[in-house]
Amino acid sequence: MKKIGMIVAIETDSVFSQYGELEKLPCPQGYELFYLKTDNKELYILHSGMGEVAASAGTQFLIDKCNIELLVNFGVVGGLTEEMKKQKICVVEKVVHYRYDVSEFLPLEVGQVPGHDNYQIPLNQDLVKKALEINPDLKPAICASGDKFVSSKEEKTYIYRSFGANICDMESIGIALTCE
């Protein structure tokens, strides 16, 4: 039986509308953990709250305590381009830690995390491909992630032009780096 974890920063109502009433499990303070068992999978849904640290800690909890094999990040993101501002459903193929900058003392680009060749961190491409096979309407996306709510047109344009990202959030980088 496959064990799947899902991180949900805010949008729990959307999850509940999809899966109905879920069993609530004990978990660390500040989080809520829900459980659903079907014929072939166990689904652990963690309401983590906002931000990369909360999402990272929640991801580690799901890995350590629930022994998950697969993790899904579910939520609403900000669109950085006109196309992505129009309620597109997407699958993230790469994530960028756009607020990470150690370039003053290490030979790394802004956004480049040590151990990576550049600032775009690829996610599991087999899973991205499978998601696109299941739902060809999904839009492949590059997500800029950092602990800042992005609302100004100027900042959205800067992130898009500097990092090639077409969406942004506050959780994906913490999840991706923890899963590594």
Protein backbone atom coordinates (compact mmCIF):
# COMPACT_ATOMS: atom_id res chain seq x y z
CA MET A 1 0.00 0.00 0.00
CA LYS A 2 1.48 3.33 -1.09
CA LYS A 3 1.83 6.06 1.54
CA ILE A 4 1.35 9.56 0.14
CA GLY A 5 1.87 12.81 2.00
CA MET A 6 0.27 16.10 1.07
CA ILE A 7 1.38 19.50 2.35
CA VAL A 8 -1.39 22.10 2.38
CA ALA A 9 -0.38 25.58 3.53
CA ILE A 10 -3.80 27.24 3.58
CA GLU A 11 -6.38 25.67 1.26
CA THR A 12 -7.75 22.87 3.46
CA ASP A 13 -11.35 23.54 2.40
CA SER A 14 -10.44 22.52 -1.16
CA VAL A 15 -8.95 19.26 0.10
CA PHE A 16 -11.96 18.49 2.28
CA SER A 17 -14.33 19.17 -0.62
CA GLN A 18 -12.38 16.61 -2.67
CA TYR A 19 -12.02 13.89 -0.04
CA GLY A 20 -14.88 14.54 2.40
CA GLU A 21 -14.52 14.00 6.11
CA LEU A 22 -11.09 12.79 7.11
CA GLU A 23 -9.79 11.18 10.27
CA LYS A 24 -7.78 13.64 12.37
CA LEU A 25 -4.48 12.30 13.77
CA PRO A 26 -2.24 13.67 16.51
CA CYS A 27 0.69 15.78 15.32
CA PRO A 28 3.02 18.54 16.52
CA GLN A 29 1.57 21.79 17.82
CA GLY A 30 0.84 24.30 15.07
CA TYR A 31 -0.06 21.64 12.49
CA GLU A 32 -3.13 19.58 11.69
CA LEU A 33 -2.83 16.05 10.29
CA PHE A 34 -5.62 14.22 8.49
CA TYR A 35 -5.74 10.64 7.22
CA LEU A 36 -7.59 8.76 4.50
CA LYS A 37 -7.19 5.09 3.59
CA THR A 38 -8.38 3.67 0.26
CA ASP A 39 -7.94 0.25 -1.35
CA ASN A 40 -4.42 1.00 -2.59
CA LYS A 41 -3.11 4.03 -0.69
CA GLU A 42 -2.87 5.84 2.59
CA LEU A 43 -3.07 9.61 2.34
CA TYR A 44 -1.61 11.83 5.07
CA ILE A 45 -2.65 15.46 4.65
CA LEU A 46 -0.73 17.97 6.74
CA HIS A 47 -2.04 21.51 7.16
CA SER A 48 1.33 23.19 7.64
CA GLY A 49 0.55 26.87 7.55
CA MET A 50 2.44 29.37 5.41
CA GLY A 51 6.14 29.60 4.67
CA GLU A 52 9.14 27.53 3.72
CA VAL A 53 10.17 26.69 7.30
CA ALA A 54 6.69 25.44 8.26
CA ALA A 55 6.45 23.43 5.04
CA SER A 56 9.95 21.99 5.49
CA ALA A 57 9.30 20.94 9.08
CA GLY A 58 5.95 19.47 8.05
CA THR A 59 7.58 17.57 5.21
CA GLN A 60 10.18 16.09 7.57
CA PHE A 61 7.39 15.09 9.97
CA LEU A 62 5.54 13.25 7.19
CA ILE A 63 8.74 11.48 6.13
CA ASP A 64 9.80 10.47 9.64
CA LYS A 65 6.50 9.74 11.39
CA CYS A 66 4.21 8.66 8.55
CA ASN A 67 6.85 6.93 6.39
CA ILE A 68 5.52 8.50 3.22
CA GLU A 69 6.88 7.42 -0.18
CA LEU A 70 5.59 10.35 -2.22
CA LEU A 71 4.90 13.96 -1.32
CA VAL A 72 2.51 16.37 -3.04
CA ASN A 73 2.40 20.11 -2.43
CA PHE A 74 -1.18 21.31 -2.84
CA GLY A 75 -2.22 24.94 -2.94
CA VAL A 76 -2.79 28.21 -4.66
CA VAL A 77 0.21 30.03 -6.10
CA GLY A 78 0.74 33.51 -7.45
CA GLY A 79 0.93 33.95 -11.21
CA LEU A 80 3.94 35.91 -12.44
CA THR A 81 2.84 36.05 -16.09
CA GLU A 82 -0.46 37.02 -17.69
CA GLU A 83 -1.08 33.40 -18.69
CA MET A 84 -0.54 32.10 -15.15
CA LYS A 85 -2.73 34.76 -13.54
CA LYS A 86 -5.81 33.12 -15.04
CA GLN A 87 -6.46 30.17 -12.73
CA LYS A 88 -4.33 27.61 -14.51
CA ILE A 89 -3.78 24.21 -12.94
CA CYS A 90 -0.09 23.45 -13.07
CA VAL A 91 2.56 20.91 -12.21
CA VAL A 92 5.87 22.29 -10.98
CA GLU A 93 8.86 20.93 -12.85
CA LYS A 94 11.53 23.18 -11.29
CA VAL A 95 11.75 25.40 -8.23
CA VAL A 96 13.91 28.47 -7.64
CA HIS A 97 14.89 29.81 -4.20
CA TYR A 98 14.77 33.36 -5.55
CA ARG A 99 15.42 35.04 -2.16
CA TYR A 100 18.56 32.98 -1.43
CA ASP A 101 21.71 35.03 -1.96
CA VAL A 102 25.20 34.10 -0.76
CA SER A 103 26.88 35.57 -3.86
CA GLU A 104 28.92 38.07 -1.82
CA PHE A 105 31.07 35.32 -0.33
CA LEU A 106 30.52 32.18 -2.44
CA PRO A 107 30.79 31.78 -6.22
CA LEU A 108 27.06 31.11 -6.61
CA GLU A 109 24.35 32.94 -8.54
CA VAL A 110 21.51 34.62 -6.68
CA GLY A 111 19.02 31.83 -6.05
CA GLN A 112 21.60 29.05 -6.42
CA VAL A 113 21.62 26.66 -3.48
CA PRO A 114 24.97 24.92 -2.73
CA GLY A 115 25.14 21.50 -4.34
CA HIS A 116 23.15 22.54 -7.41
CA ASP A 117 24.52 23.50 -10.83
CA ASN A 118 22.35 26.62 -11.12
CA TYR A 119 19.40 28.36 -9.52
CA GLN A 120 16.68 26.13 -11.05
CA ILE A 121 16.28 22.95 -9.01
CA PRO A 122 14.60 20.21 -11.04
CA LEU A 123 11.94 18.14 -9.31
CA ASN A 124 11.20 14.47 -10.01
CA GLN A 125 10.78 14.52 -13.80
CA ASP A 126 9.21 11.03 -13.85
CA LEU A 127 6.41 12.32 -11.63
CA VAL A 128 6.01 15.47 -13.72
CA LYS A 129 5.75 13.32 -16.87
CA LYS A 130 3.23 10.99 -15.23
CA ALA A 131 1.11 13.95 -14.05
CA LEU A 132 1.06 15.34 -17.61
CA GLU A 133 0.08 11.93 -19.00
CA ILE A 134 -2.80 11.69 -16.53
CA ASN A 135 -3.90 15.29 -17.12
CA PRO A 136 -2.57 16.83 -20.35
CA ASP A 137 -4.28 20.14 -19.42
CA LEU A 138 -1.74 20.72 -16.65
CA LYS A 139 0.64 23.58 -17.35
CA PRO A 140 4.32 22.80 -16.61
CA ALA A 141 5.65 25.57 -14.38
CA ILE A 142 8.78 26.90 -12.74
CA CYS A 143 8.01 28.08 -9.23
CA ALA A 144 9.93 30.89 -7.54
CA SER A 145 9.73 30.22 -3.83
CA GLY A 146 10.67 32.30 -0.80
CA ASP A 147 9.21 33.62 2.41
CA LYS A 148 7.64 36.73 0.96
CA PHE A 149 4.17 37.43 -0.39
CA VAL A 150 4.65 38.87 -3.88
CA SER A 151 2.00 41.32 -5.02
CA SER A 152 3.61 44.21 -6.91
CA LYS A 153 3.82 44.10 -10.68
CA GLU A 154 7.46 45.24 -10.51
CA GLU A 155 8.51 42.37 -8.27
CA LYS A 156 6.59 39.82 -10.34
CA THR A 157 8.31 41.10 -13.50
CA TYR A 158 11.73 41.00 -11.81
CA ILE A 159 11.27 37.38 -10.66
CA TYR A 160 10.01 36.25 -14.06
CA ARG A 161 12.83 37.96 -15.98
CA SER A 162 15.59 37.03 -13.53
CA PHE A 163 14.70 33.39 -12.86
CA GLY A 164 12.36 32.26 -15.64
CA ALA A 165 9.67 31.42 -13.10
CA ASN A 166 6.03 31.79 -14.06
CA ILE A 167 4.48 31.17 -10.61
CA CYS A 168 5.53 31.85 -7.02
CA ASP A 169 4.76 30.56 -3.55
CA MET A 170 6.20 30.47 -0.05
CA GLU A 171 6.52 26.70 0.51
CA SER A 172 7.90 24.78 -2.49
CA ILE A 173 11.60 25.41 -1.85
CA GLY A 174 11.37 24.14 1.74
CA ILE A 175 9.55 21.03 0.57
CA ALA A 176 11.92 20.36 -2.34
CA LEU A 177 15.11 20.76 -0.32
CA THR A 178 13.77 18.62 2.53
CA CYS A 179 12.73 15.87 0.11
CA GLU A 180 16.24 15.84 -1.36
